[in-house]
Amino acid sequence: MKKILTVDDSASMRAMVAFTLKAQGFDVTEAVHGQEGLDKATASTFDLIISDVNMPVMDGIEFITNVRKLEAYRFTPILMLTTESGLDKKQEGKSAGATGWIVKPFDPQKLVAVVNKVLK
């Protein structure tokens, strides 16, 4: 079973992502902000990380930058799931190490398709 870490300060968004992915057989762990996500990524190993950009404590860009410094996550796919759709923010995410970008609100079927694609 593939393990996914989802990091988002919105409880409803975390619940929707977790519900969507658990229904497809994924093991989903949730974190409320980047620092908690980094702590969980350090304590365990995940096959995929899905992160928001705008969060308190540590935002998604800083979170990705720190995760990419960990040897275990050099090649792990990281998807940004955010309301941010500007090219500057997408480039900032890509430079930090994001694999892909999904704009909220998301279509559950498209999320599952992207997750399956990056996990192959």
PDB file of N, CA and C in Angstrom:
ATOM      1  N   MET A   1       0.835  -1.175   0.000  1.00  0.00           N
ATOM      2  CA  MET A   1       0.000   0.000   0.000  1.00  0.00           C
ATOM      3  C   MET A   1       0.885   1.245   0.000  1.00  0.00           C
ATOM      4  N   LYS A   2       0.636   2.142  -0.935  1.00  0.00           N
ATOM      5  CA  LYS A   2       1.414   3.378  -1.044  1.00  0.00           C
ATOM      6  C   LYS A   2       1.009   4.357   0.057  1.00  0.00           C
ATOM      7  N   LYS A   3       2.027   5.000   0.637  1.00  0.00           N
ATOM      8  CA  LYS A   3       1.796   5.949   1.720  1.00  0.00           C
ATOM      9  C   LYS A   3       1.897   7.383   1.202  1.00  0.00           C
ATOM     10  N   ILE A   4       0.869   8.178   1.534  1.00  0.00           N
ATOM     11  CA  ILE A   4       0.809   9.563   1.081  1.00  0.00           C
ATOM     12  C   ILE A   4       0.700  10.486   2.290  1.00  0.00           C
ATOM     13  N   LEU A   5       1.501  11.553   2.269  1.00  0.00           N
ATOM     14  CA  LEU A   5       1.421  12.597   3.282  1.00  0.00           C
ATOM     15  C   LEU A   5       0.732  13.793   2.653  1.00  0.00           C
ATOM     16  N   THR A   6      -0.345  14.267   3.267  1.00  0.00           N
ATOM     17  CA  THR A   6      -1.034  15.452   2.777  1.00  0.00           C
ATOM     18  C   THR A   6      -0.916  16.558   3.824  1.00  0.00           C
ATOM     19  N   VAL A   7      -0.488  17.744   3.378  1.00  0.00           N
ATOM     20  CA  VAL A   7      -0.216  18.858   4.283  1.00  0.00           C
ATOM     21  C   VAL A   7      -1.075  20.056   3.860  1.00  0.00           C
ATOM     22  N   ASP A   8      -2.002  20.441   4.731  1.00  0.00           N
ATOM     23  CA  ASP A   8      -2.897  21.557   4.415  1.00  0.00           C
ATOM     24  C   ASP A   8      -3.485  22.078   5.718  1.00  0.00           C
ATOM     25  N   ASP A   9      -3.551  23.400   5.872  1.00  0.00           N
ATOM     26  CA  ASP A   9      -4.099  23.973   7.101  1.00  0.00           C
ATOM     27  C   ASP A   9      -5.624  23.938   7.132  1.00  0.00           C
ATOM     28  N   SER A  10      -6.259  23.622   6.026  1.00  0.00           N
ATOM     29  CA  SER A  10      -7.722  23.525   5.974  1.00  0.00           C
ATOM     30  C   SER A  10      -8.164  22.104   6.328  1.00  0.00           C
ATOM     31  N   ALA A  11      -8.884  21.974   7.442  1.00  0.00           N
ATOM     32  CA  ALA A  11      -9.359  20.660   7.880  1.00  0.00           C
ATOM     33  C   ALA A  11     -10.279  20.031   6.833  1.00  0.00           C
ATOM     34  N   SER A  12     -11.138  20.833   6.216  1.00  0.00           N
ATOM     35  CA  SER A  12     -12.055  20.283   5.211  1.00  0.00           C
ATOM     36  C   SER A  12     -11.302  19.808   3.973  1.00  0.00           C
ATOM     37  N   MET A  13     -10.261  20.528   3.570  1.00  0.00           N
ATOM     38  CA  MET A  13      -9.474  20.106   2.405  1.00  0.00           C
ATOM     39  C   MET A  13      -8.702  18.824   2.722  1.00  0.00           C
ATOM     40  N   ARG A  14      -8.100  18.749   3.911  1.00  0.00           N
ATOM     41  CA  ARG A  14      -7.402  17.512   4.300  1.00  0.00           C
ATOM     42  C   ARG A  14      -8.368  16.343   4.286  1.00  0.00           C
ATOM     43  N   ALA A  15      -9.569  16.561   4.808  1.00  0.00           N
ATOM     44  CA  ALA A  15     -10.571  15.490   4.866  1.00  0.00           C
ATOM     45  C   ALA A  15     -10.980  15.046   3.464  1.00  0.00           C
ATOM     46  N   MET A  16     -11.166  15.992   2.542  1.00  0.00           N
ATOM     47  CA  MET A  16     -11.558  15.635   1.177  1.00  0.00           C
ATOM     48  C   MET A  16     -10.452  14.862   0.460  1.00  0.00           C
ATOM     49  N   VAL A  17      -9.231  15.315   0.621  1.00  0.00           N
ATOM     50  CA  VAL A  17      -8.100  14.628  -0.010  1.00  0.00           C
ATOM     51  C   VAL A  17      -7.954  13.232   0.588  1.00  0.00           C
ATOM     52  N   ALA A  18      -7.988  13.136   1.912  1.00  0.00           N
ATOM     53  CA  ALA A  18      -7.835  11.835   2.580  1.00  0.00           C
ATOM     54  C   ALA A  18      -8.957  10.886   2.178  1.00  0.00           C
ATOM     55  N   PHE A  19     -10.183  11.359   2.170  1.00  0.00           N
ATOM     56  CA  PHE A  19     -11.329  10.525   1.783  1.00  0.00           C
ATOM     57  C   PHE A  19     -11.165  10.007   0.354  1.00  0.00           C
ATOM     58  N   THR A  20     -10.798  10.910  -0.555  1.00  0.00           N
ATOM     59  CA  THR A  20     -10.620  10.547  -1.966  1.00  0.00           C
ATOM     60  C   THR A  20      -9.534   9.488  -2.135  1.00  0.00           C
ATOM     61  N   LEU A  21      -8.411   9.674  -1.466  1.00  0.00           N
ATOM     62  CA  LEU A  21      -7.277   8.760  -1.648  1.00  0.00           C
ATOM     63  C   LEU A  21      -7.439   7.458  -0.874  1.00  0.00           C
ATOM     64  N   LYS A  22      -8.023   7.520   0.311  1.00  0.00           N
ATOM     65  CA  LYS A  22      -8.258   6.284   1.073  1.00  0.00           C
ATOM     66  C   LYS A  22      -9.237   5.375   0.340  1.00  0.00           C
ATOM     67  N   ALA A  23     -10.199   5.957  -0.361  1.00  0.00           N
ATOM     68  CA  ALA A  23     -11.169   5.178  -1.133  1.00  0.00           C
ATOM     69  C   ALA A  23     -10.488   4.417  -2.266  1.00  0.00           C
ATOM     70  N   GLN A  24      -9.301   4.881  -2.666  1.00  0.00           N
ATOM     71  CA  GLN A  24      -8.532   4.218  -3.725  1.00  0.00           C
ATOM     72  C   GLN A  24      -7.475   3.265  -3.152  1.00  0.00           C
ATOM     73  N   GLY A  25      -7.491   3.081  -1.831  1.00  0.00           N
ATOM     74  CA  GLY A  25      -6.585   2.120  -1.210  1.00  0.00           C
ATOM     75  C   GLY A  25      -5.259   2.679  -0.724  1.00  0.00           C
ATOM     76  N   PHE A  26      -5.114   3.996  -0.718  1.00  0.00           N
ATOM     77  CA  PHE A  26      -3.876   4.601  -0.238  1.00  0.00           C
ATOM     78  C   PHE A  26      -3.916   4.784   1.271  1.00  0.00           C
ATOM     79  N   ASP A  27      -2.738   4.715   1.890  1.00  0.00           N
ATOM     80  CA  ASP A  27      -2.565   4.988   3.314  1.00  0.00           C
ATOM     81  C   ASP A  27      -2.229   6.476   3.422  1.00  0.00           C
ATOM     82  N   VAL A  28      -3.110   7.269   4.023  1.00  0.00           N
ATOM     83  CA  VAL A  28      -2.953   8.723   4.053  1.00  0.00           C
ATOM     84  C   VAL A  28      -2.672   9.216   5.475  1.00  0.00           C
ATOM     85  N   THR A  29      -1.632  10.032   5.597  1.00  0.00           N
ATOM     86  CA  THR A  29      -1.290  10.699   6.843  1.00  0.00           C
ATOM     87  C   THR A  29      -1.480  12.195   6.620  1.00  0.00           C
ATOM     88  N   GLU A  30      -2.057  12.874   7.602  1.00  0.00           N
ATOM     89  CA  GLU A  30      -2.351  14.296   7.462  1.00  0.00           C
ATOM     90  C   GLU A  30      -1.468  15.142   8.374  1.00  0.00           C
ATOM     91  N   ALA A  31      -1.137  16.349   7.886  1.00  0.00           N
ATOM     92  CA  ALA A  31      -0.416  17.343   8.684  1.00  0.00           C
ATOM     93  C   ALA A  31      -1.070  18.701   8.460  1.00  0.00           C
ATOM     94  N   VAL A  32      -1.067  19.537   9.503  1.00  0.00           N
ATOM     95  CA  VAL A  32      -1.780  20.811   9.489  1.00  0.00           C
ATOM     96  C   VAL A  32      -0.959  21.956   8.880  1.00  0.00           C
ATOM     97  N   HIS A  33       0.364  21.868   8.919  1.00  0.00           N
ATOM     98  CA  HIS A  33       1.229  22.903   8.355  1.00  0.00           C
ATOM     99  C   HIS A  33       2.574  22.281   7.997  1.00  0.00           C
ATOM    100  N   GLY A  34       3.405  23.073   7.339  1.00  0.00           N
ATOM    101  CA  GLY A  34       4.680  22.562   6.848  1.00  0.00           C
ATOM    102  C   GLY A  34       5.592  21.972   7.905  1.00  0.00           C
ATOM    103  N   GLN A  35       5.673  22.592   9.072  1.00  0.00           N
ATOM    104  CA  GLN A  35       6.552  22.062  10.122  1.00  0.00           C
ATOM    105  C   GLN A  35       6.076  20.692  10.585  1.00  0.00           C
ATOM    106  N   GLU A  36       4.759  20.538  10.773  1.00  0.00           N
ATOM    107  CA  GLU A  36       4.228  19.238  11.166  1.00  0.00           C
ATOM    108  C   GLU A  36       4.467  18.218  10.046  1.00  0.00           C
ATOM    109  N   GLY A  37       4.304  18.658   8.802  1.00  0.00           N
ATOM    110  CA  GLY A  37       4.572  17.773   7.662  1.00  0.00           C
ATOM    111  C   GLY A  37       6.025  17.326   7.628  1.00  0.00           C
ATOM    112  N   LEU A  38       6.935  18.269   7.873  1.00  0.00           N
ATOM    113  CA  LEU A  38       8.363  17.948   7.889  1.00  0.00           C
ATOM    114  C   LEU A  38       8.675  16.974   9.019  1.00  0.00           C
ATOM    115  N   ASP A  39       8.076  17.191  10.185  1.00  0.00           N
ATOM    116  CA  ASP A  39       8.275  16.278  11.318  1.00  0.00           C
ATOM    117  C   ASP A  39       7.805  14.873  10.963  1.00  0.00           C
ATOM    118  N   LYS A  40       6.639  14.765  10.330  1.00  0.00           N
ATOM    119  CA  LYS A  40       6.097  13.451   9.954  1.00  0.00           C
ATOM    120  C   LYS A  40       6.919  12.803   8.846  1.00  0.00           C
ATOM    121  N   ALA A  41       7.410  13.614   7.900  1.00  0.00           N
ATOM    122  CA  ALA A  41       8.246  13.084   6.818  1.00  0.00           C
ATOM    123  C   ALA A  41       9.577  12.571   7.353  1.00  0.00           C
ATOM    124  N   THR A  42      10.073  13.211   8.404  1.00  0.00           N
ATOM    125  CA  THR A  42      11.331  12.786   9.020  1.00  0.00           C
ATOM    126  C   THR A  42      11.133  11.502   9.826  1.00  0.00           C
ATOM    127  N   ALA A  43       9.974  11.362  10.452  1.00  0.00           N
ATOM    128  CA  ALA A  43       9.688  10.207  11.312  1.00  0.00           C
ATOM    129  C   ALA A  43       9.277   8.960  10.533  1.00  0.00           C
ATOM    130  N   SER A  44       8.838   9.123   9.310  1.00  0.00           N
ATOM    131  CA  SER A  44       8.354   8.007   8.505  1.00  0.00           C
ATOM    132  C   SER A  44       8.780   8.228   7.061  1.00  0.00           C
ATOM    133  N   THR A  45       8.415   7.301   6.183  1.00  0.00           N
ATOM    134  CA  THR A  45       8.731   7.451   4.767  1.00  0.00           C
ATOM    135  C   THR A  45       7.436   7.398   3.979  1.00  0.00           C
ATOM    136  N   PHE A  46       7.288   8.334   3.043  1.00  0.00           N
ATOM    137  CA  PHE A  46       6.089   8.405   2.226  1.00  0.00           C
ATOM    138  C   PHE A  46       6.453   8.258   0.752  1.00  0.00           C
ATOM    139  N   ASP A  47       5.520   7.706  -0.025  1.00  0.00           N
ATOM    140  CA  ASP A  47       5.735   7.509  -1.460  1.00  0.00           C
ATOM    141  C   ASP A  47       5.366   8.753  -2.258  1.00  0.00           C
ATOM    142  N   LEU A  48       4.549   9.625  -1.649  1.00  0.00           N
ATOM    143  CA  LEU A  48       4.074  10.843  -2.308  1.00  0.00           C
ATOM    144  C   LEU A  48       3.714  11.860  -1.236  1.00  0.00           C
ATOM    145  N   ILE A  49       3.970  13.130  -1.538  1.00  0.00           N
ATOM    146  CA  ILE A  49       3.568  14.214  -0.648  1.00  0.00           C
ATOM    147  C   ILE A  49       2.687  15.172  -1.449  1.00  0.00           C
ATOM    148  N   ILE A  50       1.571  15.573  -0.828  1.00  0.00           N
ATOM    149  CA  ILE A  50       0.679  16.577  -1.421  1.00  0.00           C
ATOM    150  C   ILE A  50       0.610  17.731  -0.427  1.00  0.00           C
ATOM    151  N   SER A  51       0.962  18.935  -0.886  1.00  0.00           N
ATOM    152  CA  SER A  51       1.027  20.071   0.034  1.00  0.00           C
ATOM    153  C   SER A  51       0.343  21.317  -0.520  1.00  0.00           C
ATOM    154  N   ASP A  52      -0.286  22.052   0.383  1.00  0.00           N
ATOM    155  CA  ASP A  52      -0.801  23.376   0.086  1.00  0.00           C
ATOM    156  C   ASP A  52       0.402  24.328   0.045  1.00  0.00           C
ATOM    157  N   VAL A  53       0.185  25.535  -0.453  1.00  0.00           N
ATOM    158  CA  VAL A  53       1.240  26.550  -0.450  1.00  0.00           C
ATOM    159  C   VAL A  53       1.082  27.480   0.753  1.00  0.00           C
ATOM    160  N   ASN A  54      -0.091  28.067   0.890  1.00  0.00           N
ATOM    161  CA  ASN A  54      -0.323  29.076   1.932  1.00  0.00           C
ATOM    162  C   ASN A  54      -0.762  28.424   3.244  1.00  0.00           C
ATOM    163  N   MET A  55       0.175  28.335   4.187  1.00  0.00           N
ATOM    164  CA  MET A  55      -0.095  27.728   5.499  1.00  0.00           C
ATOM    165  C   MET A  55       0.660  28.503   6.568  1.00  0.00           C
ATOM    166  N   PRO A  56       0.152  28.457   7.807  1.00  0.00           N
ATOM    167  CA  PRO A  56       0.875  29.095   8.914  1.00  0.00           C
ATOM    168  C   PRO A  56       2.083  28.241   9.327  1.00  0.00           C
ATOM    169  N   VAL A  57       2.907  28.773  10.158  1.00  0.00           N
ATOM    170  CA  VAL A  57       4.102  28.143  10.748  1.00  0.00           C
ATOM    171  C   VAL A  57       5.194  27.935   9.695  1.00  0.00           C
ATOM    172  N   MET A  58       4.922  27.132   8.656  1.00  0.00           N
ATOM    173  CA  MET A  58       5.858  26.927   7.548  1.00  0.00           C
ATOM    174  C   MET A  58       5.029  26.738   6.287  1.00  0.00           C
ATOM    175  N   ASP A  59       5.232  27.609   5.304  1.00  0.00           N
ATOM    176  CA  ASP A  59       4.434  27.494   4.083  1.00  0.00           C
ATOM    177  C   ASP A  59       4.911  26.328   3.211  1.00  0.00           C
ATOM    178  N   GLY A  60       4.162  26.058   2.162  1.00  0.00           N
ATOM    179  CA  GLY A  60       4.441  24.907   1.310  1.00  0.00           C
ATOM    180  C   GLY A  60       5.764  24.981   0.575  1.00  0.00           C
ATOM    181  N   ILE A  61       6.172  26.174   0.154  1.00  0.00           N
ATOM    182  CA  ILE A  61       7.441  26.320  -0.563  1.00  0.00           C
ATOM    183  C   ILE A  61       8.608  26.004   0.371  1.00  0.00           C
ATOM    184  N   GLU A  62       8.581  26.561   1.569  1.00  0.00           N
ATOM    185  CA  GLU A  62       9.629  26.284   2.560  1.00  0.00           C
ATOM    186  C   GLU A  62       9.608  24.807   2.951  1.00  0.00           C
ATOM    187  N   PHE A  63       8.409  24.247   3.076  1.00  0.00           N
ATOM    188  CA  PHE A  63       8.263  22.828   3.406  1.00  0.00           C
ATOM    189  C   PHE A  63       8.937  21.953   2.347  1.00  0.00           C
ATOM    190  N   ILE A  64       8.636  22.207   1.080  1.00  0.00           N
ATOM    191  CA  ILE A  64       9.239  21.409  -0.002  1.00  0.00           C
ATOM    192  C   ILE A  64      10.755  21.565  -0.008  1.00  0.00           C
ATOM    193  N   THR A  65      11.215  22.788   0.142  1.00  0.00           N
ATOM    194  CA  THR A  65      12.657  23.047   0.165  1.00  0.00           C
ATOM    195  C   THR A  65      13.331  22.199   1.245  1.00  0.00           C
ATOM    196  N   ASN A  66      12.724  22.143   2.430  1.00  0.00           N
ATOM    197  CA  ASN A  66      13.294  21.360   3.537  1.00  0.00           C
ATOM    198  C   ASN A  66      13.171  19.862   3.308  1.00  0.00           C
ATOM    199  N   VAL A  67      12.057  19.409   2.744  1.00  0.00           N
ATOM    200  CA  VAL A  67      11.878  17.976   2.465  1.00  0.00           C
ATOM    201  C   VAL A  67      12.905  17.502   1.437  1.00  0.00           C
ATOM    202  N   ARG A  68      13.150  18.310   0.422  1.00  0.00           N
ATOM    203  CA  ARG A  68      14.115  17.922  -0.628  1.00  0.00           C
ATOM    204  C   ARG A  68      15.540  17.810  -0.090  1.00  0.00           C
ATOM    205  N   LYS A  69      15.824  18.396   1.060  1.00  0.00           N
ATOM    206  CA  LYS A  69      17.152  18.269   1.679  1.00  0.00           C
ATOM    207  C   LYS A  69      17.339  16.910   2.337  1.00  0.00           C
ATOM    208  N   LEU A  70      16.231  16.197   2.576  1.00  0.00           N
ATOM    209  CA  LEU A  70      16.294  14.878   3.202  1.00  0.00           C
ATOM    210  C   LEU A  70      16.602  13.825   2.137  1.00  0.00           C
ATOM    211  N   GLU A  71      17.601  13.023   2.389  1.00  0.00           N
ATOM    212  CA  GLU A  71      18.037  12.008   1.420  1.00  0.00           C
ATOM    213  C   GLU A  71      16.880  11.117   0.955  1.00  0.00           C
ATOM    214  N   ALA A  72      16.017  10.724   1.876  1.00  0.00           N
ATOM    215  CA  ALA A  72      14.914   9.806   1.555  1.00  0.00           C
ATOM    216  C   ALA A  72      13.906  10.409   0.577  1.00  0.00           C
ATOM    217  N   TYR A  73      13.915  11.732   0.422  1.00  0.00           N
ATOM    218  CA  TYR A  73      12.894  12.403  -0.401  1.00  0.00           C
ATOM    219  C   TYR A  73      13.460  13.118  -1.627  1.00  0.00           C
ATOM    220  N   ARG A  74      14.686  12.804  -1.986  1.00  0.00           N
ATOM    221  CA  ARG A  74      15.292  13.462  -3.151  1.00  0.00           C
ATOM    222  C   ARG A  74      14.483  13.229  -4.425  1.00  0.00           C
ATOM    223  N   PHE A  75      13.883  12.039  -4.553  1.00  0.00           N
ATOM    224  CA  PHE A  75      13.167  11.695  -5.784  1.00  0.00           C
ATOM    225  C   PHE A  75      11.681  11.418  -5.558  1.00  0.00           C
ATOM    226  N   THR A  76      11.187  11.676  -4.373  1.00  0.00           N
ATOM    227  CA  THR A  76       9.776  11.447  -4.058  1.00  0.00           C
ATOM    228  C   THR A  76       8.919  12.495  -4.767  1.00  0.00           C
ATOM    229  N   PRO A  77       7.841  12.071  -5.439  1.00  0.00           N
ATOM    230  CA  PRO A  77       6.975  13.069  -6.064  1.00  0.00           C
ATOM    231  C   PRO A  77       6.290  13.949  -5.015  1.00  0.00           C
ATOM    232  N   ILE A  78       6.247  15.247  -5.287  1.00  0.00           N
ATOM    233  CA  ILE A  78       5.576  16.208  -4.416  1.00  0.00           C
ATOM    234  C   ILE A  78       4.626  17.031  -5.285  1.00  0.00           C
ATOM    235  N   LEU A  79       3.342  16.953  -4.950  1.00  0.00           N
ATOM    236  CA  LEU A  79       2.333  17.722  -5.665  1.00  0.00           C
ATOM    237  C   LEU A  79       1.879  18.899  -4.819  1.00  0.00           C
ATOM    238  N   MET A  80       1.735  20.049  -5.445  1.00  0.00           N
ATOM    239  CA  MET A  80       1.176  21.214  -4.778  1.00  0.00           C
ATOM    240  C   MET A  80      -0.318  21.226  -5.091  1.00  0.00           C
ATOM    241  N   LEU A  81      -1.142  21.317  -4.062  1.00  0.00           N
ATOM    242  CA  LEU A  81      -2.602  21.395  -4.209  1.00  0.00           C
ATOM    243  C   LEU A  81      -3.004  22.707  -3.552  1.00  0.00           C
ATOM    244  N   THR A  82      -3.290  23.720  -4.371  1.00  0.00           N
ATOM    245  CA  THR A  82      -3.416  25.077  -3.847  1.00  0.00           C
ATOM    246  C   THR A  82      -4.363  25.933  -4.679  1.00  0.00           C
ATOM    247  N   THR A  83      -4.795  27.038  -4.099  1.00  0.00           N
ATOM    248  CA  THR A  83      -5.592  28.008  -4.848  1.00  0.00           C
ATOM    249  C   THR A  83      -4.694  28.891  -5.709  1.00  0.00           C
ATOM    250  N   GLU A  84      -3.399  28.857  -5.450  1.00  0.00           N
ATOM    251  CA  GLU A  84      -2.443  29.664  -6.215  1.00  0.00           C
ATOM    252  C   GLU A  84      -2.326  29.121  -7.639  1.00  0.00           C
ATOM    253  N   SER A  85      -2.505  29.996  -8.629  1.00  0.00           N
ATOM    254  CA  SER A  85      -2.406  29.527 -10.015  1.00  0.00           C
ATOM    255  C   SER A  85      -1.486  30.396 -10.867  1.00  0.00           C
ATOM    256  N   GLY A  86      -0.859  31.400 -10.244  1.00  0.00           N
ATOM    257  CA  GLY A  86       0.030  32.298 -10.979  1.00  0.00           C
ATOM    258  C   GLY A  86       1.322  31.617 -11.404  1.00  0.00           C
ATOM    259  N   LEU A  87       1.840  32.023 -12.557  1.00  0.00           N
ATOM    260  CA  LEU A  87       3.071  31.425 -13.078  1.00  0.00           C
ATOM    261  C   LEU A  87       4.255  31.641 -12.145  1.00  0.00           C
ATOM    262  N   ASP A  88       4.333  32.809 -11.498  1.00  0.00           N
ATOM    263  CA  ASP A  88       5.447  33.077 -10.585  1.00  0.00           C
ATOM    264  C   ASP A  88       5.458  32.082  -9.428  1.00  0.00           C
ATOM    265  N   LYS A  89       4.284  31.834  -8.842  1.00  0.00           N
ATOM    266  CA  LYS A  89       4.192  30.914  -7.706  1.00  0.00           C
ATOM    267  C   LYS A  89       4.484  29.490  -8.158  1.00  0.00           C
ATOM    268  N   LYS A  90       3.999  29.108  -9.336  1.00  0.00           N
ATOM    269  CA  LYS A  90       4.282  27.768  -9.870  1.00  0.00           C
ATOM    270  C   LYS A  90       5.777  27.588 -10.097  1.00  0.00           C
ATOM    271  N   GLN A  91       6.444  28.616 -10.629  1.00  0.00           N
ATOM    272  CA  GLN A  91       7.879  28.541 -10.854  1.00  0.00           C
ATOM    273  C   GLN A  91       8.628  28.440  -9.530  1.00  0.00           C
ATOM    274  N   GLU A  92       8.156  29.177  -8.532  1.00  0.00           N
ATOM    275  CA  GLU A  92       8.766  29.113  -7.198  1.00  0.00           C
ATOM    276  C   GLU A  92       8.636  27.691  -6.639  1.00  0.00           C
ATOM    277  N   GLY A  93       7.461  27.090  -6.830  1.00  0.00           N
ATOM    278  CA  GLY A  93       7.245  25.719  -6.377  1.00  0.00           C
ATOM    279  C   GLY A  93       8.130  24.730  -7.110  1.00  0.00           C
ATOM    280  N   LYS A  94       8.230  24.894  -8.414  1.00  0.00           N
ATOM    281  CA  LYS A  94       9.074  23.997  -9.210  1.00  0.00           C
ATOM    282  C   LYS A  94      10.539  24.126  -8.795  1.00  0.00           C
ATOM    283  N   SER A  95      10.976  25.361  -8.575  1.00  0.00           N
ATOM    284  CA  SER A  95      12.363  25.596  -8.147  1.00  0.00           C
ATOM    285  C   SER A  95      12.641  24.957  -6.789  1.00  0.00           C
ATOM    286  N   ALA A  96      11.624  24.935  -5.926  1.00  0.00           N
ATOM    287  CA  ALA A  96      11.775  24.328  -4.600  1.00  0.00           C
ATOM    288  C   ALA A  96      11.804  22.806  -4.684  1.00  0.00           C
ATOM    289  N   GLY A  97      11.236  22.252  -5.766  1.00  0.00           N
ATOM    290  CA  GLY A  97      11.257  20.799  -5.931  1.00  0.00           C
ATOM    291  C   GLY A  97       9.909  20.150  -6.151  1.00  0.00           C
ATOM    292  N   ALA A  98       8.866  20.963  -6.405  1.00  0.00           N
ATOM    293  CA  ALA A  98       7.538  20.390  -6.657  1.00  0.00           C
ATOM    294  C   ALA A  98       7.539  19.633  -7.985  1.00  0.00           C
ATOM    295  N   THR A  99       6.869  18.493  -8.000  1.00  0.00           N
ATOM    296  CA  THR A  99       6.765  17.662  -9.192  1.00  0.00           C
ATOM    297  C   THR A  99       5.608  18.122 -10.070  1.00  0.00           C
ATOM    298  N   GLY A 100       4.500  18.545  -9.422  1.00  0.00           N
ATOM    299  CA  GLY A 100       3.315  18.951 -10.165  1.00  0.00           C
ATOM    300  C   GLY A 100       2.490  19.945  -9.377  1.00  0.00           C
ATOM    301  N   TRP A 101       1.463  20.482 -10.032  1.00  0.00           N
ATOM    302  CA  TRP A 101       0.658  21.568  -9.460  1.00  0.00           C
ATOM    303  C   TRP A 101      -0.798  21.311  -9.775  1.00  0.00           C
ATOM    304  N   ILE A 102      -1.644  21.256  -8.762  1.00  0.00           N
ATOM    305  CA  ILE A 102      -3.086  21.068  -8.943  1.00  0.00           C
ATOM    306  C   ILE A 102      -3.782  22.246  -8.270  1.00  0.00           C
ATOM    307  N   VAL A 103      -4.683  22.898  -9.001  1.00  0.00           N
ATOM    308  CA  VAL A 103      -5.374  24.070  -8.471  1.00  0.00           C
ATOM    309  C   VAL A 103      -6.687  23.653  -7.810  1.00  0.00           C
ATOM    310  N   LYS A 104      -6.914  24.199  -6.600  1.00  0.00           N
ATOM    311  CA  LYS A 104      -8.169  23.981  -5.880  1.00  0.00           C
ATOM    312  C   LYS A 104      -9.243  24.874  -6.487  1.00  0.00           C
ATOM    313  N   PRO A 105     -10.487  24.481  -6.459  1.00  0.00           N
ATOM    314  CA  PRO A 105     -10.970  23.190  -5.974  1.00  0.00           C
ATOM    315  C   PRO A 105     -10.588  22.088  -6.968  1.00  0.00           C
ATOM    316  N   PHE A 106     -10.338  20.910  -6.454  1.00  0.00           N
ATOM    317  CA  PHE A 106      -9.873  19.823  -7.307  1.00  0.00           C
ATOM    318  C   PHE A 106     -11.006  18.860  -7.649  1.00  0.00           C
ATOM    319  N   ASP A 107     -10.849  18.207  -8.786  1.00  0.00           N
ATOM    320  CA  ASP A 107     -11.763  17.150  -9.210  1.00  0.00           C
ATOM    321  C   ASP A 107     -11.184  15.849  -8.644  1.00  0.00           C
ATOM    322  N   PRO A 108     -11.924  15.141  -7.788  1.00  0.00           N
ATOM    323  CA  PRO A 108     -11.387  13.919  -7.177  1.00  0.00           C
ATOM    324  C   PRO A 108     -10.844  12.910  -8.196  1.00  0.00           C
ATOM    325  N   GLN A 109     -11.516  12.736  -9.318  1.00  0.00           N
ATOM    326  CA  GLN A 109     -11.042  11.785 -10.337  1.00  0.00           C
ATOM    327  C   GLN A 109      -9.708  12.226 -10.932  1.00  0.00           C
ATOM    328  N   LYS A 110      -9.558  13.538 -11.146  1.00  0.00           N
ATOM    329  CA  LYS A 110      -8.299  14.050 -11.687  1.00  0.00           C
ATOM    330  C   LYS A 110      -7.182  13.910 -10.666  1.00  0.00           C
ATOM    331  N   LEU A 111      -7.492  14.152  -9.385  1.00  0.00           N
ATOM    332  CA  LEU A 111      -6.491  13.985  -8.334  1.00  0.00           C
ATOM    333  C   LEU A 111      -5.985  12.547  -8.316  1.00  0.00           C
ATOM    334  N   VAL A 112      -6.908  11.592  -8.349  1.00  0.00           N
ATOM    335  CA  VAL A 112      -6.532  10.178  -8.341  1.00  0.00           C
ATOM    336  C   VAL A 112      -5.701   9.835  -9.576  1.00  0.00           C
ATOM    337  N   ALA A 113      -6.088  10.367 -10.732  1.00  0.00           N
ATOM    338  CA  ALA A 113      -5.340  10.098 -11.970  1.00  0.00           C
ATOM    339  C   ALA A 113      -3.914  10.632 -11.873  1.00  0.00           C
ATOM    340  N   VAL A 114      -3.748  11.849 -11.339  1.00  0.00           N
ATOM    341  CA  VAL A 114      -2.408  12.429 -11.195  1.00  0.00           C
ATOM    342  C   VAL A 114      -1.595  11.634 -10.173  1.00  0.00           C
ATOM    343  N   VAL A 115      -2.207  11.269  -9.068  1.00  0.00           N
ATOM    344  CA  VAL A 115      -1.512  10.484  -8.042  1.00  0.00           C
ATOM    345  C   VAL A 115      -1.044   9.154  -8.629  1.00  0.00           C
ATOM    346  N   ASN A 116      -1.905   8.468  -9.338  1.00  0.00           N
ATOM    347  CA  ASN A 116      -1.529   7.187  -9.950  1.00  0.00           C
ATOM    348  C   ASN A 116      -0.416   7.371 -10.971  1.00  0.00           C
ATOM    349  N   LYS A 117      -0.457   8.464 -11.716  1.00  0.00           N
ATOM    350  CA  LYS A 117       0.574   8.726 -12.736  1.00  0.00           C
ATOM    351  C   LYS A 117       1.936   8.946 -12.084  1.00  0.00           C
ATOM    352  N   VAL A 118       1.999   9.788 -11.052  1.00  0.00           N
ATOM    353  CA  VAL A 118       3.319  10.091 -10.459  1.00  0.00           C
ATOM    354  C   VAL A 118       3.849   8.936  -9.599  1.00  0.00           C
ATOM    355  N   LEU A 119       2.987   8.025  -9.192  1.00  0.00           N
ATOM    356  CA  LEU A 119       3.449   6.885  -8.380  1.00  0.00           C
ATOM    357  C   LEU A 119       3.899   5.695  -9.221  1.00  0.00           C
ATOM    358  N   LYS A 120       3.779   5.778 -10.540  1.00  0.00           N
ATOM    359  CA  LYS A 120       4.198   4.644 -11.395  1.00  0.00           C
ATOM    360  C   LYS A 120       5.683   4.609 -11.570  1.00  0.00           C
TER     361      LYS A 120
END
